[in-house]
C-alpha atoms as a PDB file:
ATOM      1  CA  MET A   1      64.056  33.801  99.535  1.00  0.00           C
ATOM      2  CA  ARG A   2      61.241  35.938 100.881  1.00  0.00           C
ATOM      3  CA  TYR A   3      60.539  33.771 103.908  1.00  0.00           C
ATOM      4  CA  PRO A   4      63.973  34.526 105.491  1.00  0.00           C
ATOM      5  CA  LEU A   5      63.215  38.216 104.914  1.00  0.00           C
ATOM      6  CA  LEU A   6      59.968  37.753 106.830  1.00  0.00           C
ATOM      7  CA  LEU A   7      61.866  36.179 109.713  1.00  0.00           C
ATOM      8  CA  LEU A   8      64.618  38.789 109.527  1.00  0.00           C
ATOM      9  CA  LEU A   9      62.161  41.673 109.798  1.00  0.00           C
ATOM     10  CA  ASN A  10      60.020  40.184 112.562  1.00  0.00           C
ATOM     11  CA  SER A  11      62.636  38.539 114.793  1.00  0.00           C
ATOM     12  CA  PRO A  12      64.053  41.828 116.150  1.00  0.00           C
ATOM     13  CA  ILE A  13      60.566  43.043 117.083  1.00  0.00           C
ATOM     14  CA  ILE A  14      59.852  39.828 118.949  1.00  0.00           C
ATOM     15  CA  ALA A  15      63.290  39.891 120.581  1.00  0.00           C
ATOM     16  CA  ILE A  16      62.720  43.473 121.761  1.00  0.00           C
ATOM     17  CA  ALA A  17      59.297  42.516 123.110  1.00  0.00           C
ATOM     18  CA  LEU A  18      60.775  39.560 125.020  1.00  0.00           C
ATOM     19  CA  LEU A  19      63.611  41.702 126.360  1.00  0.00           C
ATOM     20  CA  ASN A  20      61.100  44.382 127.355  1.00  0.00           C
ATOM     21  CA  ALA A  21      58.996  41.828 129.247  1.00  0.00           C
ATOM     22  CA  VAL A  22      62.016  40.381 131.058  1.00  0.00           C
ATOM     23  CA  THR A  23      63.270  43.857 131.980  1.00  0.00           C
ATOM     24  CA  LYS A  24      59.896  44.951 133.330  1.00  0.00           C
ATOM     25  CA  TYR A  25      59.609  41.711 135.304  1.00  0.00           C
ATOM     26  CA  LYS A  26      63.084  42.140 136.812  1.00  0.00           C
ATOM     27  CA  LEU A  27      62.287  45.746 137.739  1.00  0.00           C
ATOM     28  CA  GLY A  28      59.088  44.617 139.442  1.00  0.00           C
ATOM     29  CA  GLN A  29      56.787  46.405 137.012  1.00  0.00           C
ATOM     30  CA  LEU A  30      55.152  43.130 135.918  1.00  0.00           C
ATOM     31  CA  ASP A  31      53.847  40.419 138.167  1.00  0.00           C
ATOM     32  CA  LYS A  32      54.564  36.791 137.423  1.00  0.00           C
ATOM     33  CA  THR A  33      51.246  35.992 135.730  1.00  0.00           C
ATOM     34  CA  LYS A  34      51.421  38.955 133.331  1.00  0.00           C
ATOM     35  CA  PHE A  35      55.048  38.142 132.597  1.00  0.00           C
ATOM     36  CA  THR A  36      54.162  34.522 131.858  1.00  0.00           C
ATOM     37  CA  LYS A  37      51.289  35.567 129.583  1.00  0.00           C
ATOM     38  CA  GLN A  38      53.532  37.940 127.656  1.00  0.00           C
ATOM     39  CA  LEU A  39      56.305  35.382 127.378  1.00  0.00           C
ATOM     40  CA  ILE A  40      53.919  32.731 126.081  1.00  0.00           C
ATOM     41  CA  SER A  41      52.281  35.100 123.596  1.00  0.00           C
ATOM     42  CA  TRP A  42      55.551  36.371 122.102  1.00  0.00           C
ATOM     43  CA  LEU A  43      57.120  32.911 121.960  1.00  0.00           C
ATOM     44  CA  GLY A  44      53.890  31.633 120.401  1.00  0.00           C
ATOM     45  CA  LEU A  45      54.076  34.338 117.757  1.00  0.00           C
ATOM     46  CA  LEU A  46      57.678  33.389 117.041  1.00  0.00           C
ATOM     47  CA  ALA A  47      56.681  29.730 116.763  1.00  0.00           C
ATOM     48  CA  VAL A  48      53.925  30.642 114.296  1.00  0.00           C
ATOM     49  CA  LEU A  49      56.433  32.531 112.160  1.00  0.00           C
ATOM     50  CA  LEU A  50      58.875  29.615 112.267  1.00  0.00           C
ATOM     51  CA  VAL A  51      56.318  27.018 111.175  1.00  0.00           C
ATOM     52  CA  ALA A  52      54.621  29.263 108.612  1.00  0.00           C
ATOM     53  CA  LEU A  53      56.814  28.167 105.697  1.00  0.00           C
ATOM     54  CA  PRO A  54      56.396  24.403 106.166  1.00  0.00           C
ATOM     55  CA  ILE A  55      52.636  24.830 106.595  1.00  0.00           C
ATOM     56  CA  TYR A  56      52.469  27.092 103.555  1.00  0.00           C
ATOM     57  CA  ASN A  57      54.470  24.628 101.442  1.00  0.00           C
ATOM     58  CA  TYR A  58      52.310  21.739 102.569  1.00  0.00           C
ATOM     59  CA  SER A  59      49.064  23.551 101.836  1.00  0.00           C
ATOM     60  CA  HIS A  60      50.340  24.865  98.508  1.00  0.00           C
ATOM     61  CA  ASN A  61      51.586  21.456  97.329  1.00  0.00           C
ATOM     62  CA  ASP A  62      48.338  19.722  98.278  1.00  0.00           C
ATOM     63  CA  SER A  63      46.292  22.439  96.540  1.00  0.00           C
ATOM     64  CA  LEU A  64      44.444  23.288  99.732  1.00  0.00           C
ATOM     65  CA  PHE A  65      44.824  26.951  98.927  1.00  0.00           C
ATOM     66  CA  GLN A  66      45.218  28.390  95.479  1.00  0.00           C
ATOM     67  CA  SER A  67      47.527  31.309  96.129  1.00  0.00           C
ATOM     68  CA  ASP A  68      50.634  32.838  94.723  1.00  0.00           C
ATOM     69  CA  LYS A  69      54.000  32.862  96.395  1.00  0.00           C
ATOM     70  CA  LEU A  70      54.686  35.065  99.390  1.00  0.00           C
ATOM     71  CA  SER A  71      54.819  38.627  98.088  1.00  0.00           C
ATOM     72  CA  ILE A  72      56.686  41.615  99.461  1.00  0.00           C
ATOM     73  CA  LEU A  73      53.326  43.152 100.381  1.00  0.00           C
ATOM     74  CA  ASP A  74      52.549  40.074 102.509  1.00  0.00           C
ATOM     75  CA  ILE A  75      55.884  40.428 104.268  1.00  0.00           C
ATOM     76  CA  VAL A  76      55.318  44.132 104.951  1.00  0.00           C
ATOM     77  CA  GLN A  77      51.784  43.476 106.193  1.00  0.00           C
ATOM     78  CA  THR A  78      52.919  40.703 108.524  1.00  0.00           C
ATOM     79  CA  THR A  79      55.726  42.852 109.888  1.00  0.00           C
ATOM     80  CA  ALA A  80      53.319  45.753 110.404  1.00  0.00           C
ATOM     81  CA  ILE A  81      50.897  43.493 112.261  1.00  0.00           C
ATOM     82  CA  VAL A  82      53.644  42.170 114.546  1.00  0.00           C
ATOM     83  CA  TYR A  83      54.868  45.717 115.187  1.00  0.00           C
ATOM     84  CA  LEU A  84      51.338  46.924 115.948  1.00  0.00           C
ATOM     85  CA  VAL A  85      50.843  44.039 118.383  1.00  0.00           C
ATOM     86  CA  PHE A  86      54.048  45.154 120.112  1.00  0.00           C
ATOM     87  CA  ILE A  87      52.889  48.790 120.268  1.00  0.00           C
ATOM     88  CA  VAL A  88      49.389  47.886 121.493  1.00  0.00           C
ATOM     89  CA  ASN A  89      50.851  45.623 124.175  1.00  0.00           C
ATOM     90  CA  THR A  90      53.206  48.373 125.325  1.00  0.00           C
ATOM     91  CA  LEU A  91      50.371  50.903 125.454  1.00  0.00           C
ATOM     92  CA  ARG A  92      48.160  48.458 127.348  1.00  0.00           C
ATOM     93  CA  LEU A  93      50.853  48.024 129.985  1.00  0.00           C
ATOM     94  CA  LYS A  94      51.255  51.796 130.313  1.00  0.00           C
ATOM     95  CA  VAL A  95      47.503  52.269 130.731  1.00  0.00           C
ATOM     96  CA  GLU A  96      47.384  49.549 133.393  1.00  0.00           C
ATOM     97  CA  LYS A  97      50.264  51.190 135.228  1.00  0.00           C
ATOM     98  CA  SER A  98      48.568  54.606 135.052  1.00  0.00           C
ATOM     99  CA  GLU A  99      45.286  53.154 136.308  1.00  0.00           C
ATOM    100  CA  GLN A 100      47.082  51.488 139.211  1.00  0.00           C
ATOM    101  CA  ARG A 101      48.832  54.730 140.070  1.00  0.00           C
ATOM    102  CA  LEU A 102      45.539  56.636 139.906  1.00  0.00           C
ATOM    103  CA  ARG A 103      43.901  54.081 142.239  1.00  0.00           C
ATOM    104  CA  ASP A 104      46.800  54.382 144.671  1.00  0.00           C
ATOM    105  CA  LEU A 105      46.590  58.189 144.610  1.00  0.00           C
ATOM    106  CA  HIS A 106      42.829  58.067 145.096  1.00  0.00           C
ATOM    107  CA  GLN A 107      43.236  55.707 148.035  1.00  0.00           C
ATOM    108  CA  GLU A 108      45.892  57.944 149.580  1.00  0.00           C
ATOM    109  CA  LEU A 109      43.690  60.995 149.100  1.00  0.00           C
ATOM    110  CA  SER A 110      40.722  59.207 150.691  1.00  0.00           C
ATOM    111  CA  ILE A 111      42.830  58.225 153.692  1.00  0.00           C
ATOM    112  CA  ARG A 112      44.099  61.771 154.144  1.00  0.00           C
ATOM    113  CA  LEU A 113      40.604  63.252 153.843  1.00  0.00           C
ATOM    114  CA  SER A 114      39.149  60.751 156.323  1.00  0.00           C
ATOM    115  CA  ASP A 115      41.848  61.629 158.886  1.00  0.00           C
ATOM    116  CA  LYS A 116      40.710  65.279 158.976  1.00  0.00           C
END
């Protein structure tokens, strides 16, 4: 019962991240390679969450790992990690955009100063 809760908490974050990437790509704020990297990373994260239960059941039944069932703390930690990945990715994109803008302004300033 806890595994669907894990998916329920993390799916909206991943959906927002995918929607954010598509929106930024359509607005021209992301180039195709960055968009592809983001799309692959978020879909990969979703795939990992989807196959986590079968892998966990397999490893638990074969006694590969001696662990208890998925706890609420594990669910909260996983959700927090996914959310932090989303926040860090968003901040990274903002920093890249600011750096690009600063380079453009510096180039414009250099051109104006060289004209004088």
